[in-house]
Amino acid sequence: MKAGGCKESFVGWENCIREAEENKEDIVEKCFEATSALKKCMEAHADYYEPILRAEKKAEEQAIIELEKEKEEEGLSPQEDSKDLQKKSDG
């Protein structure tokens, strides 16, 4: 990661993660901006980071499949769950 064009973004993200862990803070919340900056940089340098981006996309797709399986096992279709979430956010 540090050899590509996103070294600065990666180091910033890495420092944010380390600091959040040390202070027992929510990593997702604390490092949202650093993570977004790193992802944007990686997409801008996709020629170098393509294998990582591809692996990340595959993991994301797999997580969606697993989530849908869990919902089916609970007896909720993904559409029903989406509607329920929409109602909660609207009301």
N, C-alpha and C. Protein backbone atom coordinates (compact mmCIF):
# COMPACT_ATOMS: atom_id res chain seq x y z
N MET A 1 0.82 -1.20 0.00
CA MET A 1 0.00 0.00 0.00
C MET A 1 0.87 1.26 0.00
N LYS A 2 1.95 1.22 0.73
CA LYS A 2 2.78 2.41 0.85
C LYS A 2 3.63 2.68 -0.38
N ALA A 3 3.74 1.71 -1.28
CA ALA A 3 4.56 1.90 -2.47
C ALA A 3 3.80 2.62 -3.58
N GLY A 4 2.48 2.65 -3.49
CA GLY A 4 1.67 3.27 -4.54
C GLY A 4 1.46 4.75 -4.30
N GLY A 5 0.57 5.32 -5.10
CA GLY A 5 0.30 6.75 -5.05
C GLY A 5 -0.52 7.19 -3.85
N CYS A 6 -0.97 6.26 -3.03
CA CYS A 6 -1.83 6.59 -1.90
C CYS A 6 -1.12 6.43 -0.55
N LYS A 7 0.19 6.56 -0.58
CA LYS A 7 0.96 6.37 0.65
C LYS A 7 0.48 7.29 1.76
N GLU A 8 0.31 8.58 1.47
CA GLU A 8 -0.09 9.54 2.50
C GLU A 8 -1.48 9.22 3.05
N SER A 9 -2.42 8.89 2.16
CA SER A 9 -3.77 8.54 2.59
C SER A 9 -3.75 7.28 3.44
N PHE A 10 -2.94 6.31 3.04
CA PHE A 10 -2.86 5.06 3.78
C PHE A 10 -2.26 5.27 5.16
N VAL A 11 -1.20 6.04 5.24
CA VAL A 11 -0.55 6.31 6.54
C VAL A 11 -1.53 7.05 7.45
N GLY A 12 -2.28 8.01 6.91
CA GLY A 12 -3.28 8.72 7.70
C GLY A 12 -4.36 7.79 8.21
N TRP A 13 -4.82 6.89 7.35
CA TRP A 13 -5.83 5.91 7.73
C TRP A 13 -5.28 4.97 8.81
N GLU A 14 -4.07 4.50 8.60
CA GLU A 14 -3.42 3.59 9.54
C GLU A 14 -3.27 4.25 10.92
N ASN A 15 -2.85 5.51 10.93
CA ASN A 15 -2.70 6.24 12.20
C ASN A 15 -4.04 6.42 12.89
N CYS A 16 -5.09 6.69 12.11
CA CYS A 16 -6.42 6.87 12.67
C CYS A 16 -6.89 5.57 13.33
N ILE A 17 -6.69 4.46 12.65
CA ILE A 17 -7.09 3.15 13.19
C ILE A 17 -6.34 2.88 14.50
N ARG A 18 -5.05 3.10 14.48
CA ARG A 18 -4.23 2.84 15.67
C ARG A 18 -4.71 3.71 16.84
N GLU A 19 -4.95 4.98 16.57
CA GLU A 19 -5.39 5.90 17.62
C GLU A 19 -6.76 5.49 18.17
N ALA A 20 -7.66 5.10 17.29
CA ALA A 20 -9.00 4.67 17.72
C ALA A 20 -8.91 3.42 18.60
N GLU A 21 -8.06 2.49 18.21
CA GLU A 21 -7.90 1.27 19.00
C GLU A 21 -7.30 1.58 20.37
N GLU A 22 -6.30 2.43 20.39
CA GLU A 22 -5.65 2.77 21.65
C GLU A 22 -6.61 3.47 22.61
N ASN A 23 -7.50 4.30 22.05
CA ASN A 23 -8.44 5.06 22.88
C ASN A 23 -9.80 4.38 23.01
N LYS A 24 -9.88 3.15 22.48
CA LYS A 24 -11.12 2.36 22.53
C LYS A 24 -12.31 3.14 21.97
N GLU A 25 -12.06 3.80 20.82
CA GLU A 25 -13.10 4.56 20.13
C GLU A 25 -13.68 3.72 19.00
N ASP A 26 -14.83 4.13 18.51
CA ASP A 26 -15.47 3.47 17.37
C ASP A 26 -14.65 3.78 16.12
N ILE A 27 -14.03 2.76 15.57
CA ILE A 27 -13.14 2.93 14.41
C ILE A 27 -13.90 3.45 13.20
N VAL A 28 -15.08 2.90 12.94
CA VAL A 28 -15.85 3.30 11.76
C VAL A 28 -16.20 4.78 11.85
N GLU A 29 -16.69 5.19 13.00
CA GLU A 29 -17.09 6.58 13.18
C GLU A 29 -15.89 7.52 13.14
N LYS A 30 -14.85 7.18 13.89
CA LYS A 30 -13.68 8.05 13.99
C LYS A 30 -12.94 8.19 12.66
N CYS A 31 -12.83 7.08 11.94
CA CYS A 31 -11.98 7.05 10.75
C CYS A 31 -12.75 7.10 9.43
N PHE A 32 -14.01 7.52 9.49
CA PHE A 32 -14.82 7.57 8.27
C PHE A 32 -14.17 8.43 7.19
N GLU A 33 -13.73 9.62 7.56
CA GLU A 33 -13.13 10.53 6.57
C GLU A 33 -11.81 9.98 6.04
N ALA A 34 -10.99 9.42 6.90
CA ALA A 34 -9.71 8.86 6.46
C ALA A 34 -9.94 7.67 5.54
N THR A 35 -10.94 6.85 5.86
CA THR A 35 -11.27 5.70 5.03
C THR A 35 -11.78 6.15 3.67
N SER A 36 -12.64 7.17 3.66
CA SER A 36 -13.18 7.70 2.40
C SER A 36 -12.07 8.27 1.53
N ALA A 37 -11.17 9.01 2.14
CA ALA A 37 -10.05 9.60 1.39
C ALA A 37 -9.17 8.51 0.79
N LEU A 38 -8.91 7.46 1.56
CA LEU A 38 -8.09 6.36 1.06
C LEU A 38 -8.77 5.66 -0.10
N LYS A 39 -10.06 5.39 0.04
CA LYS A 39 -10.80 4.70 -1.02
C LYS A 39 -10.82 5.54 -2.30
N LYS A 40 -11.07 6.84 -2.17
CA LYS A 40 -11.07 7.72 -3.35
C LYS A 40 -9.71 7.73 -4.02
N CYS A 41 -8.66 7.77 -3.22
CA CYS A 41 -7.31 7.77 -3.76
C CYS A 41 -7.03 6.46 -4.50
N MET A 42 -7.43 5.35 -3.88
CA MET A 42 -7.22 4.04 -4.51
C MET A 42 -7.97 3.93 -5.83
N GLU A 43 -9.18 4.47 -5.87
CA GLU A 43 -9.95 4.45 -7.11
C GLU A 43 -9.30 5.33 -8.18
N ALA A 44 -8.71 6.44 -7.75
CA ALA A 44 -8.02 7.33 -8.68
C ALA A 44 -6.74 6.68 -9.22
N HIS A 45 -6.17 5.76 -8.46
CA HIS A 45 -4.96 5.04 -8.86
C HIS A 45 -5.28 3.55 -9.06
N ALA A 46 -6.41 3.31 -9.70
CA ALA A 46 -6.93 1.94 -9.85
C ALA A 46 -5.95 1.02 -10.58
N ASP A 47 -5.12 1.58 -11.44
CA ASP A 47 -4.15 0.74 -12.15
C ASP A 47 -3.23 0.02 -11.17
N TYR A 48 -2.84 0.69 -10.11
CA TYR A 48 -1.94 0.10 -9.12
C TYR A 48 -2.70 -0.72 -8.08
N TYR A 49 -3.83 -0.18 -7.61
CA TYR A 49 -4.57 -0.79 -6.51
C TYR A 49 -5.69 -1.74 -6.96
N GLU A 50 -5.79 -2.01 -8.24
CA GLU A 50 -6.88 -2.83 -8.78
C GLU A 50 -7.04 -4.17 -8.08
N PRO A 51 -5.99 -4.92 -7.79
CA PRO A 51 -6.19 -6.20 -7.09
C PRO A 51 -6.86 -6.03 -5.72
N ILE A 52 -6.52 -4.99 -5.01
CA ILE A 52 -7.12 -4.74 -3.69
C ILE A 52 -8.57 -4.31 -3.85
N LEU A 53 -8.84 -3.43 -4.81
CA LEU A 53 -10.21 -2.98 -5.05
C LEU A 53 -11.09 -4.15 -5.48
N ARG A 54 -10.55 -5.02 -6.30
CA ARG A 54 -11.31 -6.19 -6.77
C ARG A 54 -11.63 -7.12 -5.59
N ALA A 55 -10.66 -7.36 -4.73
CA ALA A 55 -10.88 -8.21 -3.56
C ALA A 55 -11.90 -7.58 -2.61
N GLU A 56 -11.83 -6.28 -2.45
CA GLU A 56 -12.78 -5.57 -1.59
C GLU A 56 -14.20 -5.70 -2.15
N LYS A 57 -14.34 -5.54 -3.45
CA LYS A 57 -15.66 -5.65 -4.08
C LYS A 57 -16.21 -7.06 -3.92
N LYS A 58 -15.38 -8.05 -4.09
CA LYS A 58 -15.82 -9.45 -3.94
C LYS A 58 -16.26 -9.72 -2.51
N ALA A 59 -15.52 -9.21 -1.53
CA ALA A 59 -15.89 -9.39 -0.12
C ALA A 59 -17.22 -8.70 0.17
N GLU A 60 -17.41 -7.53 -0.42
CA GLU A 60 -18.66 -6.79 -0.24
C GLU A 60 -19.84 -7.57 -0.82
N GLU A 61 -19.65 -8.12 -2.01
CA GLU A 61 -20.70 -8.92 -2.65
C GLU A 61 -21.02 -10.15 -1.81
N GLN A 62 -20.01 -10.79 -1.26
CA GLN A 62 -20.22 -11.97 -0.43
C GLN A 62 -20.97 -11.61 0.85
N ALA A 63 -20.66 -10.47 1.43
CA ALA A 63 -21.35 -10.03 2.64
C ALA A 63 -22.83 -9.79 2.36
N ILE A 64 -23.14 -9.23 1.20
CA ILE A 64 -24.54 -9.00 0.82
C ILE A 64 -25.26 -10.33 0.66
N ILE A 65 -24.62 -11.29 0.02
CA ILE A 65 -25.22 -12.62 -0.15
C ILE A 65 -25.50 -13.25 1.21
N GLU A 66 -24.54 -13.18 2.12
CA GLU A 66 -24.72 -13.75 3.45
C GLU A 66 -25.85 -13.06 4.21
N LEU A 67 -25.93 -11.75 4.10
CA LEU A 67 -26.99 -10.99 4.76
C LEU A 67 -28.36 -11.39 4.23
N GLU A 68 -28.46 -11.55 2.91
CA GLU A 68 -29.73 -11.96 2.31
C GLU A 68 -30.12 -13.37 2.76
N LYS A 69 -29.14 -14.26 2.89
CA LYS A 69 -29.42 -15.62 3.38
C LYS A 69 -29.96 -15.57 4.81
N GLU A 70 -29.34 -14.74 5.65
CA GLU A 70 -29.79 -14.61 7.04
C GLU A 70 -31.23 -14.09 7.09
N LYS A 71 -31.53 -13.11 6.25
CA LYS A 71 -32.88 -12.55 6.21
C LYS A 71 -33.89 -13.61 5.77
N GLU A 72 -33.53 -14.41 4.78
CA GLU A 72 -34.41 -15.46 4.33
C GLU A 72 -34.66 -16.48 5.43
N GLU A 73 -33.62 -16.81 6.18
CA GLU A 73 -33.75 -17.75 7.28
C GLU A 73 -34.65 -17.21 8.38
N GLU A 74 -34.65 -15.90 8.54
CA GLU A 74 -35.51 -15.26 9.55
C GLU A 74 -36.94 -15.10 9.04
N GLY A 75 -37.16 -15.40 7.77
CA GLY A 75 -38.50 -15.29 7.21
C GLY A 75 -38.83 -13.94 6.62
N LEU A 76 -37.85 -13.08 6.49
CA LEU A 76 -38.06 -11.78 5.86
C LEU A 76 -37.42 -11.78 4.49
N SER A 77 -38.15 -11.29 3.52
CA SER A 77 -37.54 -11.13 2.21
C SER A 77 -36.74 -9.84 2.24
N PRO A 78 -35.72 -9.68 1.42
CA PRO A 78 -34.94 -8.43 1.41
C PRO A 78 -35.82 -7.21 1.14
N GLN A 79 -36.87 -7.39 0.31
CA GLN A 79 -37.75 -6.27 0.00
C GLN A 79 -38.54 -5.85 1.25
N GLU A 80 -39.04 -6.83 2.01
CA GLU A 80 -39.79 -6.50 3.23
C GLU A 80 -38.89 -5.76 4.21
N ASP A 81 -37.68 -6.23 4.36
CA ASP A 81 -36.75 -5.61 5.29
C ASP A 81 -36.44 -4.18 4.86
N SER A 82 -36.26 -3.96 3.57
CA SER A 82 -35.98 -2.61 3.06
C SER A 82 -37.14 -1.68 3.34
N LYS A 83 -38.37 -2.18 3.17
CA LYS A 83 -39.54 -1.36 3.45
C LYS A 83 -39.61 -1.01 4.93
N ASP A 84 -39.31 -2.00 5.78
CA ASP A 84 -39.31 -1.75 7.21
C ASP A 84 -38.29 -0.68 7.58
N LEU A 85 -37.12 -0.76 6.99
CA LEU A 85 -36.08 0.24 7.26
C LEU A 85 -36.51 1.61 6.78
N GLN A 86 -37.15 1.65 5.62
CA GLN A 86 -37.61 2.93 5.06
C GLN A 86 -38.66 3.55 5.98
N LYS A 87 -39.60 2.73 6.48
CA LYS A 87 -40.62 3.24 7.39
C LYS A 87 -40.00 3.81 8.65
N LYS A 88 -39.00 3.11 9.19
CA LYS A 88 -38.33 3.58 10.41
C LYS A 88 -37.62 4.90 10.18
N SER A 89 -36.99 5.04 9.01
CA SER A 89 -36.26 6.28 8.75
C SER A 89 -37.21 7.43 8.43
N ASP A 90 -38.39 7.12 7.90
CA ASP A 90 -39.38 8.15 7.58
C ASP A 90 -40.12 8.64 8.83
N GLY A 91 -40.30 7.73 9.78
CA GLY A 91 -41.18 8.06 10.89
C GLY A 91 -40.50 8.35 12.13
